[in-house]
Protein backbone atom coordinates (compact mmCIF):
# COMPACT_ATOMS: atom_id res chain seq x y z
CA UNK A 1 129.39 -49.22 64.76
CA UNK A 2 129.01 -46.37 62.30
CA UNK A 3 126.13 -45.31 60.15
CA UNK A 4 125.76 -43.46 56.89
CA UNK A 5 122.81 -41.59 55.51
CA UNK A 6 122.58 -41.55 51.73
CA UNK A 7 121.06 -38.73 49.70
CA UNK A 8 118.13 -41.10 49.21
CA UNK A 9 117.58 -41.18 52.98
CA UNK A 10 118.70 -44.82 53.26
CA UNK A 11 120.55 -45.82 56.42
CA UNK A 12 123.56 -48.16 56.57
CA UNK A 13 125.15 -49.60 59.69
CA UNK A 14 128.91 -50.16 59.39
CA UNK A 15 130.77 -52.74 61.45
CA UNK A 16 134.06 -50.91 62.19
CA UNK A 17 136.11 -54.04 62.84
CA UNK A 18 135.31 -55.71 59.51
CA UNK A 19 134.11 -52.86 57.29
CA UNK A 20 130.95 -54.82 56.46
CA UNK A 21 127.96 -52.59 55.72
CA UNK A 22 124.40 -53.54 56.55
CA UNK A 23 121.50 -51.73 54.88
CA UNK A 24 118.64 -50.75 57.14
CA UNK A 25 116.62 -53.71 55.80
CA UNK A 26 119.22 -56.09 57.31
CA UNK A 27 119.20 -54.63 60.81
CA UNK A 28 118.11 -57.59 62.89
CA UNK A 29 118.95 -59.59 65.99
CA UNK A 30 121.86 -61.33 64.22
CA UNK A 31 124.03 -58.20 64.37
CA UNK A 32 126.53 -57.98 67.22
CA UNK A 33 125.06 -54.64 68.29
CA UNK A 34 121.73 -54.52 70.06
CA UNK A 35 121.35 -50.88 71.07
CA UNK A 36 122.16 -47.39 69.85
CA UNK A 37 122.63 -44.58 72.34
CA UNK A 38 124.25 -41.87 70.25
CA UNK A 39 125.35 -41.01 66.73
CA UNK A 40 128.05 -38.55 65.75
CA UNK A 41 130.20 -37.32 62.92
CA UNK A 42 132.58 -34.39 62.52
CA UNK A 43 129.85 -31.76 62.79
CA UNK A 44 127.10 -33.13 65.04
CA UNK A 45 126.41 -35.33 68.04
CA UNK A 46 122.94 -36.74 68.66
CA UNK A 47 121.71 -38.67 71.69
CA UNK A 48 118.97 -41.25 71.26
CA UNK A 49 116.09 -40.26 73.56
CA UNK A 50 113.54 -42.74 72.21
CA UNK A 51 111.66 -44.90 74.74
CA UNK A 52 113.86 -47.85 73.73
CA UNK A 53 117.45 -47.81 72.52
CA UNK A 54 116.97 -51.09 70.64
CA UNK A 55 118.78 -50.93 67.30
CA UNK A 56 116.13 -53.00 65.59
CA UNK A 57 113.31 -50.62 66.54
CA UNK A 58 115.27 -47.38 66.22
CA UNK A 59 113.76 -44.51 64.24
CA UNK A 60 116.55 -42.79 62.30
CA UNK A 61 114.65 -39.55 61.67
CA UNK A 62 117.37 -37.30 63.09
CA UNK A 63 115.24 -34.20 62.63
CA UNK A 64 112.65 -35.51 65.09
CA UNK A 65 113.53 -33.69 68.31
CA UNK A 66 111.32 -36.09 70.30
CA UNK A 67 113.65 -38.94 69.32
CA UNK A 68 117.09 -37.35 68.98
CA UNK A 69 118.69 -34.71 71.22
CA UNK A 70 121.20 -32.55 69.33
CA UNK A 71 124.27 -31.34 71.17
CA UNK A 72 124.78 -27.64 70.48
CA UNK A 73 127.26 -26.70 67.75
CA UNK A 74 129.25 -24.75 70.35
CA UNK A 75 129.68 -27.91 72.41
CA UNK A 76 130.70 -29.90 69.31
CA UNK A 77 133.26 -27.21 68.41
CA UNK A 78 134.69 -27.18 71.93
CA UNK A 79 135.22 -30.95 71.69
CA UNK A 80 136.99 -30.46 68.35
CA UNK A 81 139.29 -27.83 69.91
CA UNK A 82 140.09 -30.20 72.78
CA UNK A 83 140.91 -33.03 70.39
CA UNK A 84 143.13 -30.79 68.26
CA UNK A 85 145.11 -29.78 71.34
CA UNK A 86 145.54 -33.19 72.94
CA UNK A 87 145.48 -35.66 70.05
């Protein structure tokens, strides 16, 4: 599962196997995914530290440090270096 954050602040969940996109308003119990533990892209990695990891009740305010733990940029860069060497 992937997500995108539009300039408008809207969230989309992407199903990687089919490419189908679900807007935040369609996140419900019919999706194959039930939980979200982390989110990442090429420049950041965030761990979900909310009381529940339920996808349906997830708060996607990534700036809220009480809900999302940011991995340091140094750690992200070290992972990138590792991947460039071995993959």
